[in-house]
């Protein structure tokens, strides 16, 4: 899953996620479209079984945080699946007619 967490308490949430569930996070600079407030968006990619732990931490730090969750087709890299590559197929010969 991929989770976007919107909270003014991004620093505390980030520290707890990395320490307590050993999950890497990415902080993205953000600005509210309505409020124009500057902030940081927390992006977490985790396995489904980690989702309740993430919710618990976020709710504990900031009960007003806004969270979106999306399923992802594949996650490759450290802590997830290895990159999969298929051998390149031979290019087809083309025939120019006319």
Protein backbone atom coordinates (compact mmCIF):
# COMPACT_ATOMS: atom_id res chain seq x y z
CA UNK A 1 0.00 0.00 0.00
CA UNK A 2 0.96 3.61 -0.38
CA UNK A 3 -0.14 6.08 2.26
CA UNK A 4 -0.14 9.86 2.06
CA UNK A 5 -0.29 11.48 5.49
CA UNK A 6 -1.10 15.17 5.82
CA UNK A 7 -0.23 16.53 9.27
CA UNK A 8 1.40 19.55 10.84
CA UNK A 9 3.14 17.05 13.13
CA UNK A 10 5.02 15.37 10.28
CA UNK A 11 8.34 15.37 12.16
CA UNK A 12 7.00 13.42 15.16
CA UNK A 13 5.07 10.99 12.94
CA UNK A 14 8.10 10.38 10.73
CA UNK A 15 10.36 9.67 13.70
CA UNK A 16 7.90 7.18 15.18
CA UNK A 17 7.25 5.38 11.87
CA UNK A 18 10.94 4.85 11.23
CA UNK A 19 11.71 3.85 14.82
CA UNK A 20 8.67 1.76 15.79
CA UNK A 21 7.79 -0.09 12.60
CA UNK A 22 11.13 0.25 10.80
CA UNK A 23 9.49 1.73 7.73
CA UNK A 24 11.13 4.34 5.53
CA UNK A 25 9.23 7.49 4.71
CA UNK A 26 9.57 10.30 2.19
CA UNK A 27 8.76 13.91 2.98
CA UNK A 28 7.45 16.03 0.12
CA UNK A 29 7.17 19.80 0.37
CA UNK A 30 3.52 20.78 0.09
CA UNK A 31 1.23 23.77 0.15
CA UNK A 32 -2.46 23.76 0.94
CA UNK A 33 -4.54 24.79 -2.05
CA UNK A 34 -7.09 26.63 0.07
CA UNK A 35 -5.07 27.74 3.09
CA UNK A 36 -1.77 28.23 1.23
CA UNK A 37 -0.06 26.85 4.35
CA UNK A 38 3.36 25.34 3.76
CA UNK A 39 3.97 21.86 5.12
CA UNK A 40 5.30 18.44 4.36
CA UNK A 41 3.43 15.43 3.05
CA UNK A 42 4.52 12.06 4.45
CA UNK A 43 4.63 9.26 1.89
CA UNK A 44 4.85 5.70 3.23
CA UNK A 45 4.98 2.53 1.18
CA UNK A 46 4.30 -0.49 3.36
CA UNK A 47 2.85 -3.95 3.36
CA UNK A 48 -0.86 -4.24 4.13
CA UNK A 49 -0.20 -5.81 7.52
CA UNK A 50 1.67 -2.62 8.56
CA UNK A 51 -1.33 -0.40 7.84
CA UNK A 52 -2.92 -0.66 11.30
CA UNK A 53 0.41 0.18 12.96
CA UNK A 54 0.75 3.27 10.79
CA UNK A 55 -2.83 4.33 11.63
CA UNK A 56 -2.17 3.83 15.35
CA UNK A 57 0.97 5.99 15.32
CA UNK A 58 -0.61 8.76 13.24
CA UNK A 59 -3.78 8.84 15.36
CA UNK A 60 -1.68 8.89 18.54
CA UNK A 61 0.41 11.86 17.38
CA UNK A 62 -2.26 13.81 15.49
CA UNK A 63 -5.93 12.75 15.67
CA UNK A 64 -6.72 15.40 13.03
CA UNK A 65 -4.30 14.06 10.43
CA UNK A 66 -5.65 13.33 6.96
CA UNK A 67 -4.61 9.97 5.46
CA UNK A 68 -5.12 8.50 2.01
CA UNK A 69 -4.41 4.86 1.20
CA UNK A 70 -3.91 3.33 -2.25
CA UNK A 71 -3.08 -0.16 -3.41
CA UNK A 72 0.00 -0.39 -5.59
CA UNK A 73 0.68 -2.99 -8.26
CA UNK A 74 4.27 -3.66 -7.25
CA UNK A 75 6.99 -2.30 -5.02
CA UNK A 76 10.59 -2.98 -5.90
CA UNK A 77 13.73 -2.12 -4.00
CA UNK A 78 15.12 -2.38 -0.51
CA UNK A 79 12.73 -4.13 1.86
CA UNK A 80 10.37 -5.23 -0.92
CA UNK A 81 10.57 -7.34 -4.08
CA UNK A 82 13.68 -7.52 -6.21
CA UNK A 83 13.60 -5.86 -9.59
CA UNK A 84 12.34 -8.21 -12.24
CA UNK A 85 13.50 -7.84 -15.78
CA UNK A 86 12.61 -9.87 -18.81
CA UNK A 87 15.15 -10.58 -21.50
CA UNK A 88 14.74 -8.25 -24.42
CA UNK A 89 13.06 -9.86 -27.38
CA UNK A 90 14.71 -9.70 -30.76
CA UNK A 91 13.48 -6.84 -32.92
CA UNK A 92 11.14 -7.87 -35.69
CA UNK A 93 12.29 -7.48 -39.23
CA UNK A 94 10.24 -5.04 -41.18
CA UNK A 95 9.61 -5.26 -44.86
CA UNK A 96 9.15 -2.05 -46.78
CA UNK A 97 6.59 -2.59 -49.54
CA UNK A 98 6.21 -0.07 -52.27
